[in-house]
């Protein structure tokens, strides 16, 4: 998650999903250093890096690019960069009882249904 979002409302809508994700054991960190529109996935000896989202809309409509690899040197570099990025990130601890969270939920929850077009 990026602290410096290019479209703030998308970040607010996304944050509504945090309690569910965190309840399932997902740890969410907010990158603080700068704006970063990239996704990096490291799984065992495989990695994917790019701007594309892993959803149906991105596959059909968006012009994005992803790079997948199993090259050991690239995996090591990505792993090191991930650790550096994590060191300048803040772990999100969602408090769903705050007035701000409740207000965002009331205002933005209906927009989740329109996320396909966002």
PDB file of N, CA and C in Angstrom:
ATOM      1  N   UNK A   1       0.856  -1.174   0.000  1.00  0.00           N
ATOM      2  CA  UNK A   1       0.000   0.000   0.000  1.00  0.00           C
ATOM      3  C   UNK A   1       0.895   1.227   0.000  1.00  0.00           C
ATOM      4  N   UNK A   2       0.477   2.249  -0.707  1.00  0.00           N
ATOM      5  CA  UNK A   2       1.276   3.448  -0.871  1.00  0.00           C
ATOM      6  C   UNK A   2       0.660   4.614  -0.106  1.00  0.00           C
ATOM      7  N   UNK A   3       1.465   5.275   0.728  1.00  0.00           N
ATOM      8  CA  UNK A   3       0.997   6.429   1.497  1.00  0.00           C
ATOM      9  C   UNK A   3       0.641   7.590   0.565  1.00  0.00           C
ATOM     10  N   UNK A   4       1.391   7.752  -0.514  1.00  0.00           N
ATOM     11  CA  UNK A   4       1.184   8.841  -1.463  1.00  0.00           C
ATOM     12  C   UNK A   4       0.375   8.341  -2.657  1.00  0.00           C
ATOM     13  N   UNK A   5      -0.899   8.184  -2.481  1.00  0.00           N
ATOM     14  CA  UNK A   5      -1.760   7.645  -3.540  1.00  0.00           C
ATOM     15  C   UNK A   5      -1.995   8.685  -4.628  1.00  0.00           C
ATOM     16  N   UNK A   6      -2.050   8.224  -5.880  1.00  0.00           N
ATOM     17  CA  UNK A   6      -2.356   9.139  -6.974  1.00  0.00           C
ATOM     18  C   UNK A   6      -3.847   9.459  -7.029  1.00  0.00           C
ATOM     19  N   UNK A   7      -4.679   8.572  -6.499  1.00  0.00           N
ATOM     20  CA  UNK A   7      -6.126   8.799  -6.408  1.00  0.00           C
ATOM     21  C   UNK A   7      -6.540   8.473  -4.964  1.00  0.00           C
ATOM     22  N   UNK A   8      -6.572   9.486  -4.074  1.00  0.00           N
ATOM     23  CA  UNK A   8      -6.825   9.224  -2.653  1.00  0.00           C
ATOM     24  C   UNK A   8      -8.083   8.419  -2.363  1.00  0.00           C
ATOM     25  N   UNK A   9      -9.159   8.642  -3.117  1.00  0.00           N
ATOM     26  CA  UNK A   9     -10.406   7.931  -2.829  1.00  0.00           C
ATOM     27  C   UNK A   9     -10.214   6.419  -2.973  1.00  0.00           C
ATOM     28  N   UNK A  10      -9.350   5.986  -3.879  1.00  0.00           N
ATOM     29  CA  UNK A  10      -9.090   4.556  -4.047  1.00  0.00           C
ATOM     30  C   UNK A  10      -8.436   3.992  -2.785  1.00  0.00           C
ATOM     31  N   UNK A  11      -7.523   4.751  -2.195  1.00  0.00           N
ATOM     32  CA  UNK A  11      -6.906   4.330  -0.937  1.00  0.00           C
ATOM     33  C   UNK A  11      -7.919   4.241   0.191  1.00  0.00           C
ATOM     34  N   UNK A  12      -8.830   5.192   0.236  1.00  0.00           N
ATOM     35  CA  UNK A  12      -9.857   5.173   1.286  1.00  0.00           C
ATOM     36  C   UNK A  12     -10.781   3.969   1.118  1.00  0.00           C
ATOM     37  N   UNK A  13     -11.150   3.689  -0.133  1.00  0.00           N
ATOM     38  CA  UNK A  13     -12.009   2.530  -0.384  1.00  0.00           C
ATOM     39  C   UNK A  13     -11.265   1.244  -0.033  1.00  0.00           C
ATOM     40  N   UNK A  14     -10.011   1.161  -0.438  1.00  0.00           N
ATOM     41  CA  UNK A  14      -9.202  -0.029  -0.135  1.00  0.00           C
ATOM     42  C   UNK A  14      -9.103  -0.269   1.365  1.00  0.00           C
ATOM     43  N   UNK A  15      -8.969   0.809   2.122  1.00  0.00           N
ATOM     44  CA  UNK A  15      -8.808   0.665   3.574  1.00  0.00           C
ATOM     45  C   UNK A  15     -10.039   0.044   4.231  1.00  0.00           C
ATOM     46  N   UNK A  16     -11.185   0.096   3.566  1.00  0.00           N
ATOM     47  CA  UNK A  16     -12.385  -0.543   4.114  1.00  0.00           C
ATOM     48  C   UNK A  16     -12.250  -2.063   4.131  1.00  0.00           C
ATOM     49  N   UNK A  17     -11.385  -2.581   3.285  1.00  0.00           N
ATOM     50  CA  UNK A  17     -11.172  -4.028   3.217  1.00  0.00           C
ATOM     51  C   UNK A  17     -10.116  -4.505   4.213  1.00  0.00           C
ATOM     52  N   UNK A  18      -9.379  -3.589   4.812  1.00  0.00           N
ATOM     53  CA  UNK A  18      -8.288  -3.958   5.720  1.00  0.00           C
ATOM     54  C   UNK A  18      -8.736  -4.825   6.892  1.00  0.00           C
ATOM     55  N   UNK A  19      -9.830  -4.484   7.599  1.00  0.00           N
ATOM     56  CA  UNK A  19     -10.213  -5.320   8.742  1.00  0.00           C
ATOM     57  C   UNK A  19     -10.443  -6.781   8.366  1.00  0.00           C
ATOM     58  N   UNK A  20     -11.061  -7.014   7.219  1.00  0.00           N
ATOM     59  CA  UNK A  20     -11.294  -8.393   6.772  1.00  0.00           C
ATOM     60  C   UNK A  20      -9.971  -9.087   6.478  1.00  0.00           C
ATOM     61  N   UNK A  21      -9.089  -8.402   5.761  1.00  0.00           N
ATOM     62  CA  UNK A  21      -7.785  -8.981   5.438  1.00  0.00           C
ATOM     63  C   UNK A  21      -6.966  -9.244   6.697  1.00  0.00           C
ATOM     64  N   UNK A  22      -6.943  -8.263   7.601  1.00  0.00           N
ATOM     65  CA  UNK A  22      -6.171  -8.421   8.834  1.00  0.00           C
ATOM     66  C   UNK A  22      -6.753  -9.519   9.711  1.00  0.00           C
ATOM     67  N   UNK A  23      -8.060  -9.671   9.693  1.00  0.00           N
ATOM     68  CA  UNK A  23      -8.697 -10.749  10.443  1.00  0.00           C
ATOM     69  C   UNK A  23      -8.293 -12.120   9.927  1.00  0.00           C
ATOM     70  N   UNK A  24      -7.892 -12.174   8.655  1.00  0.00           N
ATOM     71  CA  UNK A  24      -7.439 -13.431   8.048  1.00  0.00           C
ATOM     72  C   UNK A  24      -5.927 -13.616   8.196  1.00  0.00           C
ATOM     73  N   UNK A  25      -5.277 -12.674   8.891  1.00  0.00           N
ATOM     74  CA  UNK A  25      -3.845 -12.812   9.142  1.00  0.00           C
ATOM     75  C   UNK A  25      -2.934 -12.030   8.211  1.00  0.00           C
ATOM     76  N   UNK A  26      -3.502 -11.235   7.302  1.00  0.00           N
ATOM     77  CA  UNK A  26      -2.686 -10.447   6.379  1.00  0.00           C
ATOM     78  C   UNK A  26      -2.109  -9.242   7.118  1.00  0.00           C
ATOM     79  N   UNK A  27      -0.823  -8.997   6.929  1.00  0.00           N
ATOM     80  CA  UNK A  27      -0.186  -7.809   7.484  1.00  0.00           C
ATOM     81  C   UNK A  27      -0.090  -6.770   6.374  1.00  0.00           C
ATOM     82  N   UNK A  28      -0.545  -5.553   6.650  1.00  0.00           N
ATOM     83  CA  UNK A  28      -0.577  -4.497   5.641  1.00  0.00           C
ATOM     84  C   UNK A  28       0.376  -3.391   6.068  1.00  0.00           C
ATOM     85  N   UNK A  29       1.244  -2.999   5.143  1.00  0.00           N
ATOM     86  CA  UNK A  29       2.211  -1.939   5.394  1.00  0.00           C
ATOM     87  C   UNK A  29       1.994  -0.820   4.389  1.00  0.00           C
ATOM     88  N   UNK A  30       2.220   0.413   4.848  1.00  0.00           N
ATOM     89  CA  UNK A  30       2.081   1.574   3.980  1.00  0.00           C
ATOM     90  C   UNK A  30       3.472   2.134   3.694  1.00  0.00           C
ATOM     91  N   UNK A  31       3.843   2.119   2.416  1.00  0.00           N
ATOM     92  CA  UNK A  31       5.144   2.601   1.958  1.00  0.00           C
ATOM     93  C   UNK A  31       5.192   4.115   2.119  1.00  0.00           C
ATOM     94  N   UNK A  32       6.222   4.643   2.802  1.00  0.00           N
ATOM     95  CA  UNK A  32       6.270   6.054   3.163  1.00  0.00           C
ATOM     96  C   UNK A  32       7.202   6.904   2.303  1.00  0.00           C
ATOM     97  N   UNK A  33       8.111   6.287   1.602  1.00  0.00           N
ATOM     98  CA  UNK A  33       9.209   7.021   0.982  1.00  0.00           C
ATOM     99  C   UNK A  33       8.782   7.941  -0.162  1.00  0.00           C
ATOM    100  N   UNK A  34       7.956   7.447  -1.061  1.00  0.00           N
ATOM    101  CA  UNK A  34       7.527   8.230  -2.221  1.00  0.00           C
ATOM    102  C   UNK A  34       6.342   7.526  -2.868  1.00  0.00           C
ATOM    103  N   UNK A  35       5.894   8.068  -3.981  1.00  0.00           N
ATOM    104  CA  UNK A  35       4.824   7.410  -4.724  1.00  0.00           C
ATOM    105  C   UNK A  35       5.414   6.226  -5.478  1.00  0.00           C
ATOM    106  N   UNK A  36       4.749   5.091  -5.390  1.00  0.00           N
ATOM    107  CA  UNK A  36       5.221   3.883  -6.066  1.00  0.00           C
ATOM    108  C   UNK A  36       4.018   3.135  -6.617  1.00  0.00           C
ATOM    109  N   UNK A  37       3.923   3.069  -7.939  1.00  0.00           N
ATOM    110  CA  UNK A  37       2.813   2.335  -8.558  1.00  0.00           C
ATOM    111  C   UNK A  37       3.360   1.040  -9.140  1.00  0.00           C
ATOM    112  N   UNK A  38       3.707   0.137  -8.270  1.00  0.00           N
ATOM    113  CA  UNK A  38       4.254  -1.150  -8.715  1.00  0.00           C
ATOM    114  C   UNK A  38       3.792  -2.234  -7.762  1.00  0.00           C
ATOM    115  N   UNK A  39       3.724  -3.416  -8.302  1.00  0.00           N
ATOM    116  CA  UNK A  39       3.381  -4.571  -7.479  1.00  0.00           C
ATOM    117  C   UNK A  39       4.517  -5.569  -7.616  1.00  0.00           C
ATOM    118  N   UNK A  40       4.892  -6.164  -6.505  1.00  0.00           N
ATOM    119  CA  UNK A  40       5.947  -7.168  -6.519  1.00  0.00           C
ATOM    120  C   UNK A  40       5.461  -8.371  -5.727  1.00  0.00           C
ATOM    121  N   UNK A  41       5.567  -9.516  -6.339  1.00  0.00           N
ATOM    122  CA  UNK A  41       5.145 -10.744  -5.682  1.00  0.00           C
ATOM    123  C   UNK A  41       6.327 -11.711  -5.697  1.00  0.00           C
ATOM    124  N   UNK A  42       6.744 -12.162  -4.516  1.00  0.00           N
ATOM    125  CA  UNK A  42       7.823 -13.141  -4.393  1.00  0.00           C
ATOM    126  C   UNK A  42       7.245 -14.386  -3.751  1.00  0.00           C
ATOM    127  N   UNK A  43       7.256 -15.483  -4.484  1.00  0.00           N
ATOM    128  CA  UNK A  43       6.715 -16.743  -3.974  1.00  0.00           C
ATOM    129  C   UNK A  43       7.730 -17.838  -4.264  1.00  0.00           C
ATOM    130  N   UNK A  44       8.292 -18.395  -3.196  1.00  0.00           N
ATOM    131  CA  UNK A  44       9.294 -19.455  -3.328  1.00  0.00           C
ATOM    132  C   UNK A  44      10.407 -19.008  -4.281  1.00  0.00           C
ATOM    133  N   UNK A  45      10.566 -19.670  -5.408  1.00  0.00           N
ATOM    134  CA  UNK A  45      11.622 -19.310  -6.370  1.00  0.00           C
ATOM    135  C   UNK A  45      11.017 -18.708  -7.641  1.00  0.00           C
ATOM    136  N   UNK A  46      10.010 -17.857  -7.462  1.00  0.00           N
ATOM    137  CA  UNK A  46       9.314 -17.216  -8.569  1.00  0.00           C
ATOM    138  C   UNK A  46       8.965 -15.794  -8.152  1.00  0.00           C
ATOM    139  N   UNK A  47       9.037 -14.860  -9.091  1.00  0.00           N
ATOM    140  CA  UNK A  47       8.685 -13.471  -8.792  1.00  0.00           C
ATOM    141  C   UNK A  47       7.967 -12.842  -9.969  1.00  0.00           C
ATOM    142  N   UNK A  48       7.114 -11.869  -9.630  1.00  0.00           N
ATOM    143  CA  UNK A  48       6.463 -11.059 -10.647  1.00  0.00           C
ATOM    144  C   UNK A  48       6.537  -9.608 -10.196  1.00  0.00           C
ATOM    145  N   UNK A  49       6.872  -8.728 -11.126  1.00  0.00           N
ATOM    146  CA  UNK A  49       7.020  -7.311 -10.847  1.00  0.00           C
ATOM    147  C   UNK A  49       6.366  -6.540 -11.982  1.00  0.00           C
ATOM    148  N   UNK A  50       5.600  -5.511 -11.630  1.00  0.00           N
ATOM    149  CA  UNK A  50       4.989  -4.706 -12.683  1.00  0.00           C
ATOM    150  C   UNK A  50       3.948  -3.753 -12.155  1.00  0.00           C
ATOM    151  N   UNK A  51       3.207  -3.175 -13.076  1.00  0.00           N
ATOM    152  CA  UNK A  51       2.169  -2.214 -12.704  1.00  0.00           C
ATOM    153  C   UNK A  51       0.769  -2.811 -12.798  1.00  0.00           C
ATOM    154  N   UNK A  52       0.650  -3.986 -13.381  1.00  0.00           N
ATOM    155  CA  UNK A  52      -0.659  -4.608 -13.564  1.00  0.00           C
ATOM    156  C   UNK A  52      -1.242  -5.151 -12.280  1.00  0.00           C
ATOM    157  N   UNK A  53      -2.550  -5.070 -12.180  1.00  0.00           N
ATOM    158  CA  UNK A  53      -3.263  -5.649 -11.043  1.00  0.00           C
ATOM    159  C   UNK A  53      -3.637  -7.089 -11.381  1.00  0.00           C
ATOM    160  N   UNK A  54      -3.829  -7.884 -10.371  1.00  0.00           N
ATOM    161  CA  UNK A  54      -4.224  -9.273 -10.590  1.00  0.00           C
ATOM    162  C   UNK A  54      -5.743  -9.379 -10.541  1.00  0.00           C
ATOM    163  N   UNK A  55      -6.378  -8.757 -11.525  1.00  0.00           N
ATOM    164  CA  UNK A  55      -7.832  -8.837 -11.608  1.00  0.00           C
ATOM    165  C   UNK A  55      -8.270  -8.897 -13.071  1.00  0.00           C
ATOM    166  N   UNK A  56      -9.516  -9.206 -13.257  1.00  0.00           N
ATOM    167  CA  UNK A  56     -10.077  -9.386 -14.592  1.00  0.00           C
ATOM    168  C   UNK A  56     -10.005  -8.100 -15.410  1.00  0.00           C
ATOM    169  N   UNK A  57     -10.316  -6.977 -14.774  1.00  0.00           N
ATOM    170  CA  UNK A  57     -10.330  -5.697 -15.483  1.00  0.00           C
ATOM    171  C   UNK A  57      -8.962  -5.373 -16.070  1.00  0.00           C
ATOM    172  N   UNK A  58      -7.908  -5.529 -15.284  1.00  0.00           N
ATOM    173  CA  UNK A  58      -6.564  -5.225 -15.777  1.00  0.00           C
ATOM    174  C   UNK A  58      -6.191  -6.100 -16.961  1.00  0.00           C
ATOM    175  N   UNK A  59      -6.632  -7.336 -16.923  1.00  0.00           N
ATOM    176  CA  UNK A  59      -6.329  -8.256 -18.027  1.00  0.00           C
ATOM    177  C   UNK A  59      -6.993  -7.821 -19.328  1.00  0.00           C
ATOM    178  N   UNK A  60      -8.192  -7.248 -19.226  1.00  0.00           N
ATOM    179  CA  UNK A  60      -8.956  -6.894 -20.424  1.00  0.00           C
ATOM    180  C   UNK A  60      -8.791  -5.454 -20.900  1.00  0.00           C
ATOM    181  N   UNK A  61      -8.729  -4.507 -19.959  1.00  0.00           N
ATOM    182  CA  UNK A  61      -8.869  -3.104 -20.333  1.00  0.00           C
ATOM    183  C   UNK A  61      -7.645  -2.231 -20.100  1.00  0.00           C
ATOM    184  N   UNK A  62      -6.839  -2.546 -19.143  1.00  0.00           N
ATOM    185  CA  UNK A  62      -5.751  -1.651 -18.765  1.00  0.00           C
ATOM    186  C   UNK A  62      -4.483  -1.962 -19.558  1.00  0.00           C
ATOM    187  N   UNK A  63      -3.721  -0.931 -19.811  1.00  0.00           N
ATOM    188  CA  UNK A  63      -2.430  -1.115 -20.469  1.00  0.00           C
ATOM    189  C   UNK A  63      -1.378  -1.119 -19.362  1.00  0.00           C
ATOM    190  N   UNK A  64      -1.027  -2.291 -18.933  1.00  0.00           N
ATOM    191  CA  UNK A  64      -0.082  -2.487 -17.840  1.00  0.00           C
ATOM    192  C   UNK A  64       0.955  -3.502 -18.294  1.00  0.00           C
ATOM    193  N   UNK A  65       2.028  -3.597 -17.554  1.00  0.00           N
ATOM    194  CA  UNK A  65       3.074  -4.567 -17.895  1.00  0.00           C
ATOM    195  C   UNK A  65       3.576  -5.250 -16.627  1.00  0.00           C
ATOM    196  N   UNK A  66       3.737  -6.552 -16.710  1.00  0.00           N
ATOM    197  CA  UNK A  66       4.304  -7.343 -15.618  1.00  0.00           C
ATOM    198  C   UNK A  66       5.454  -8.175 -16.166  1.00  0.00           C
ATOM    199  N   UNK A  67       6.404  -8.441 -15.307  1.00  0.00           N
ATOM    200  CA  UNK A  67       7.559  -9.263 -15.654  1.00  0.00           C
ATOM    201  C   UNK A  67       7.630 -10.397 -14.648  1.00  0.00           C
ATOM    202  N   UNK A  68       7.645 -11.629 -15.129  1.00  0.00           N
ATOM    203  CA  UNK A  68       7.762 -12.796 -14.253  1.00  0.00           C
ATOM    204  C   UNK A  68       9.114 -13.456 -14.498  1.00  0.00           C
ATOM    205  N   UNK A  69       9.708 -13.975 -13.420  1.00  0.00           N
ATOM    206  CA  UNK A  69      11.034 -14.564 -13.552  1.00  0.00           C
ATOM    207  C   UNK A  69      11.288 -15.650 -12.512  1.00  0.00           C
ATOM    208  N   UNK A  70      12.226 -16.502 -12.846  1.00  0.00           N
ATOM    209  CA  UNK A  70      12.745 -17.491 -11.891  1.00  0.00           C
ATOM    210  C   UNK A  70      14.267 -17.374 -11.795  1.00  0.00           C
ATOM    211  N   UNK A  71      14.837 -16.319 -12.374  1.00  0.00           N
ATOM    212  CA  UNK A  71      16.292 -16.122 -12.345  1.00  0.00           C
ATOM    213  C   UNK A  71      16.762 -15.847 -10.917  1.00  0.00           C
ATOM    214  N   UNK A  72      17.669 -16.668 -10.377  1.00  0.00           N
ATOM    215  CA  UNK A  72      18.117 -16.508  -8.987  1.00  0.00           C
ATOM    216  C   UNK A  72      18.667 -15.116  -8.662  1.00  0.00           C
ATOM    217  N   UNK A  73      19.457 -14.528  -9.543  1.00  0.00           N
ATOM    218  CA  UNK A  73      20.029 -13.202  -9.266  1.00  0.00           C
ATOM    219  C   UNK A  73      18.934 -12.142  -9.163  1.00  0.00           C
ATOM    220  N   UNK A  74      17.935 -12.228 -10.036  1.00  0.00           N
ATOM    221  CA  UNK A  74      16.824 -11.276 -10.003  1.00  0.00           C
ATOM    222  C   UNK A  74      15.988 -11.472  -8.747  1.00  0.00           C
ATOM    223  N   UNK A  75      15.749 -12.718  -8.371  1.00  0.00           N
ATOM    224  CA  UNK A  75      14.997 -13.005  -7.145  1.00  0.00           C
ATOM    225  C   UNK A  75      15.708 -12.431  -5.928  1.00  0.00           C
ATOM    226  N   UNK A  76      17.024 -12.557  -5.885  1.00  0.00           N
ATOM    227  CA  UNK A  76      17.795 -12.027  -4.757  1.00  0.00           C
ATOM    228  C   UNK A  76      17.698 -10.501  -4.716  1.00  0.00           C
ATOM    229  N   UNK A  77      17.828  -9.852  -5.871  1.00  0.00           N
ATOM    230  CA  UNK A  77      17.730  -8.392  -5.932  1.00  0.00           C
ATOM    231  C   UNK A  77      16.347  -7.915  -5.493  1.00  0.00           C
ATOM    232  N   UNK A  78      15.303  -8.558  -5.989  1.00  0.00           N
ATOM    233  CA  UNK A  78      13.938  -8.183  -5.605  1.00  0.00           C
ATOM    234  C   UNK A  78      13.698  -8.392  -4.117  1.00  0.00           C
ATOM    235  N   UNK A  79      14.222  -9.476  -3.576  1.00  0.00           N
ATOM    236  CA  UNK A  79      14.070  -9.756  -2.147  1.00  0.00           C
ATOM    237  C   UNK A  79      14.764  -8.685  -1.304  1.00  0.00           C
ATOM    238  N   UNK A  80      15.956  -8.287  -1.717  1.00  0.00           N
ATOM    239  CA  UNK A  80      16.682  -7.229  -0.999  1.00  0.00           C
ATOM    240  C   UNK A  80      15.930  -5.903  -1.081  1.00  0.00           C
ATOM    241  N   UNK A  81      15.412  -5.580  -2.253  1.00  0.00           N
ATOM    242  CA  UNK A  81      14.667  -4.332  -2.418  1.00  0.00           C
ATOM    243  C   UNK A  81      13.384  -4.352  -1.593  1.00  0.00           C
ATOM    244  N   UNK A  82      12.729  -5.495  -1.546  1.00  0.00           N
ATOM    245  CA  UNK A  82      11.513  -5.631  -0.741  1.00  0.00           C
ATOM    246  C   UNK A  82      11.817  -5.329   0.727  1.00  0.00           C
ATOM    247  N   UNK A  83      12.908  -5.879   1.231  1.00  0.00           N
ATOM    248  CA  UNK A  83      13.281  -5.628   2.632  1.00  0.00           C
ATOM    249  C   UNK A  83      13.579  -4.149   2.873  1.00  0.00           C
ATOM    250  N   UNK A  84      14.243  -3.502   1.909  1.00  0.00           N
ATOM    251  CA  UNK A  84      14.507  -2.064   2.031  1.00  0.00           C
ATOM    252  C   UNK A  84      13.201  -1.270   2.035  1.00  0.00           C
ATOM    253  N   UNK A  85      12.304  -1.607   1.121  1.00  0.00           N
ATOM    254  CA  UNK A  85      11.009  -0.917   1.060  1.00  0.00           C
ATOM    255  C   UNK A  85      10.208  -1.125   2.341  1.00  0.00           C
ATOM    256  N   UNK A  86      10.263  -2.322   2.879  1.00  0.00           N
ATOM    257  CA  UNK A  86       9.540  -2.619   4.118  1.00  0.00           C
ATOM    258  C   UNK A  86      10.103  -1.811   5.286  1.00  0.00           C
ATOM    259  N   UNK A  87      11.409  -1.529   5.255  1.00  0.00           N
ATOM    260  CA  UNK A  87      12.035  -0.769   6.345  1.00  0.00           C
ATOM    261  C   UNK A  87      11.583   0.690   6.363  1.00  0.00           C
ATOM    262  N   UNK A  88      11.052   1.195   5.247  1.00  0.00           N
ATOM    263  CA  UNK A  88      10.531   2.569   5.211  1.00  0.00           C
ATOM    264  C   UNK A  88       9.005   2.563   5.076  1.00  0.00           C
ATOM    265  N   UNK A  89       8.401   1.515   5.603  1.00  0.00           N
ATOM    266  CA  UNK A  89       6.945   1.376   5.589  1.00  0.00           C
ATOM    267  C   UNK A  89       6.423   1.295   7.018  1.00  0.00           C
ATOM    268  N   UNK A  90       5.173   1.650   7.193  1.00  0.00           N
ATOM    269  CA  UNK A  90       4.537   1.614   8.512  1.00  0.00           C
ATOM    270  C   UNK A  90       3.446   0.552   8.492  1.00  0.00           C
ATOM    271  N   UNK A  91       3.455  -0.303   9.507  1.00  0.00           N
ATOM    272  CA  UNK A  91       2.431  -1.334   9.609  1.00  0.00           C
ATOM    273  C   UNK A  91       1.094  -0.685   9.958  1.00  0.00           C
ATOM    274  N   UNK A  92       0.070  -1.036   9.203  1.00  0.00           N
ATOM    275  CA  UNK A  92      -1.266  -0.474   9.409  1.00  0.00           C
ATOM    276  C   UNK A  92      -1.981  -1.265  10.491  1.00  0.00           C
ATOM    277  N   UNK A  93      -2.429  -0.552  11.493  1.00  0.00           N
ATOM    278  CA  UNK A  93      -3.254  -1.150  12.545  1.00  0.00           C
ATOM    279  C   UNK A  93      -4.603  -0.456  12.468  1.00  0.00           C
ATOM    280  N   UNK A  94      -5.549  -1.129  11.903  1.00  0.00           N
ATOM    281  CA  UNK A  94      -6.864  -0.545  11.628  1.00  0.00           C
ATOM    282  C   UNK A  94      -7.724  -0.523  12.887  1.00  0.00           C
ATOM    283  N   UNK A  95      -8.167   0.659  13.274  1.00  0.00           N
ATOM    284  CA  UNK A  95      -9.105   0.790  14.381  1.00  0.00           C
ATOM    285  C   UNK A  95     -10.472   1.113  13.783  1.00  0.00           C
ATOM    286  N   UNK A  96     -11.339   0.125  13.752  1.00  0.00           N
ATOM    287  CA  UNK A  96     -12.647   0.305  13.114  1.00  0.00           C
ATOM    288  C   UNK A  96     -13.642   1.056  13.993  1.00  0.00           C
ATOM    289  N   UNK A  97     -13.232   1.411  15.193  1.00  0.00           N
ATOM    290  CA  UNK A  97     -14.161   2.097  16.089  1.00  0.00           C
ATOM    291  C   UNK A  97     -14.071   3.617  15.972  1.00  0.00           C
ATOM    292  N   UNK A  98     -13.110   4.141  15.210  1.00  0.00           N
ATOM    293  CA  UNK A  98     -12.959   5.588  15.127  1.00  0.00           C
ATOM    294  C   UNK A  98     -14.067   6.209  14.278  1.00  0.00           C
ATOM    295  N   UNK A  99     -14.352   7.446  14.567  1.00  0.00           N
ATOM    296  CA  UNK A  99     -15.361   8.184  13.812  1.00  0.00           C
ATOM    297  C   UNK A  99     -14.949   8.308  12.341  1.00  0.00           C
ATOM    298  N   UNK A 100     -13.658   8.546  12.093  1.00  0.00           N
ATOM    299  CA  UNK A 100     -13.176   8.682  10.721  1.00  0.00           C
ATOM    300  C   UNK A 100     -13.403   7.395   9.930  1.00  0.00           C
ATOM    301  N   UNK A 101     -13.107   6.252  10.531  1.00  0.00           N
ATOM    302  CA  UNK A 101     -13.315   4.982   9.833  1.00  0.00           C
ATOM    303  C   UNK A 101     -14.803   4.773   9.539  1.00  0.00           C
ATOM    304  N   UNK A 102     -15.639   5.060  10.508  1.00  0.00           N
ATOM    305  CA  UNK A 102     -17.083   4.881  10.309  1.00  0.00           C
ATOM    306  C   UNK A 102     -17.619   5.812   9.225  1.00  0.00           C
ATOM    307  N   UNK A 103     -17.112   7.034   9.204  1.00  0.00           N
ATOM    308  CA  UNK A 103     -17.535   8.004   8.197  1.00  0.00           C
ATOM    309  C   UNK A 103     -17.092   7.566   6.798  1.00  0.00           C
ATOM    310  N   UNK A 104     -15.840   7.129   6.676  1.00  0.00           N
ATOM    311  CA  UNK A 104     -15.356   6.630   5.385  1.00  0.00           C
ATOM    312  C   UNK A 104     -16.161   5.419   4.932  1.00  0.00           C
ATOM    313  N   UNK A 105     -16.470   4.550   5.867  1.00  0.00           N
ATOM    314  CA  UNK A 105     -17.239   3.352   5.525  1.00  0.00           C
ATOM    315  C   UNK A 105     -18.620   3.741   4.993  1.00  0.00           C
ATOM    316  N   UNK A 106     -19.251   4.684   5.663  1.00  0.00           N
ATOM    317  CA  UNK A 106     -20.573   5.145   5.245  1.00  0.00           C
ATOM    318  C   UNK A 106     -20.525   5.785   3.859  1.00  0.00           C
ATOM    319  N   UNK A 107     -19.504   6.620   3.622  1.00  0.00           N
ATOM    320  CA  UNK A 107     -19.419   7.352   2.363  1.00  0.00           C
ATOM    321  C   UNK A 107     -18.906   6.518   1.193  1.00  0.00           C
ATOM    322  N   UNK A 108     -17.925   5.655   1.463  1.00  0.00           N
ATOM    323  CA  UNK A 108     -17.224   5.003   0.364  1.00  0.00           C
ATOM    324  C   UNK A 108     -17.571   3.540   0.142  1.00  0.00           C
ATOM    325  N   UNK A 109     -18.201   2.883   1.093  1.00  0.00           N
ATOM    326  CA  UNK A 109     -18.517   1.463   0.919  1.00  0.00           C
ATOM    327  C   UNK A 109     -19.331   1.198  -0.358  1.00  0.00           C
ATOM    328  N   UNK A 110     -20.323   2.033  -0.668  1.00  0.00           N
ATOM    329  CA  UNK A 110     -21.070   1.781  -1.916  1.00  0.00           C
ATOM    330  C   UNK A 110     -20.187   1.839  -3.169  1.00  0.00           C
ATOM    331  N   UNK A 111     -19.081   2.582  -3.116  1.00  0.00           N
ATOM    332  CA  UNK A 111     -18.208   2.701  -4.283  1.00  0.00           C
ATOM    333  C   UNK A 111     -17.461   1.414  -4.596  1.00  0.00           C
ATOM    334  N   UNK A 112     -17.367   0.502  -3.625  1.00  0.00           N
ATOM    335  CA  UNK A 112     -16.712  -0.784  -3.871  1.00  0.00           C
ATOM    336  C   UNK A 112     -17.388  -1.495  -5.038  1.00  0.00           C
ATOM    337  N   UNK A 113     -18.694  -1.331  -5.153  1.00  0.00           N
ATOM    338  CA  UNK A 113     -19.443  -1.991  -6.225  1.00  0.00           C
ATOM    339  C   UNK A 113     -19.127  -1.414  -7.607  1.00  0.00           C
ATOM    340  N   UNK A 114     -18.515  -0.233  -7.634  1.00  0.00           N
ATOM    341  CA  UNK A 114     -18.143   0.397  -8.895  1.00  0.00           C
ATOM    342  C   UNK A 114     -16.644   0.301  -9.162  1.00  0.00           C
ATOM    343  N   UNK A 115     -15.927  -0.473  -8.355  1.00  0.00           N
ATOM    344  CA  UNK A 115     -14.468  -0.536  -8.462  1.00  0.00           C
ATOM    345  C   UNK A 115     -13.995  -1.055  -9.815  1.00  0.00           C
ATOM    346  N   UNK A 116     -14.825  -1.796 -10.511  1.00  0.00           N
ATOM    347  CA  UNK A 116     -14.458  -2.293 -11.843  1.00  0.00           C
ATOM    348  C   UNK A 116     -14.111  -1.135 -12.776  1.00  0.00           C
ATOM    349  N   UNK A 117     -14.813  -0.019 -12.647  1.00  0.00           N
ATOM    350  CA  UNK A 117     -14.625   1.115 -13.539  1.00  0.00           C
ATOM    351  C   UNK A 117     -13.631   2.134 -13.004  1.00  0.00           C
ATOM    352  N   UNK A 118     -13.039   1.892 -11.866  1.00  0.00           N
ATOM    353  CA  UNK A 118     -12.114   2.868 -11.278  1.00  0.00           C
ATOM    354  C   UNK A 118     -10.685   2.561 -11.647  1.00  0.00           C
TER     355      UNK A 118
END
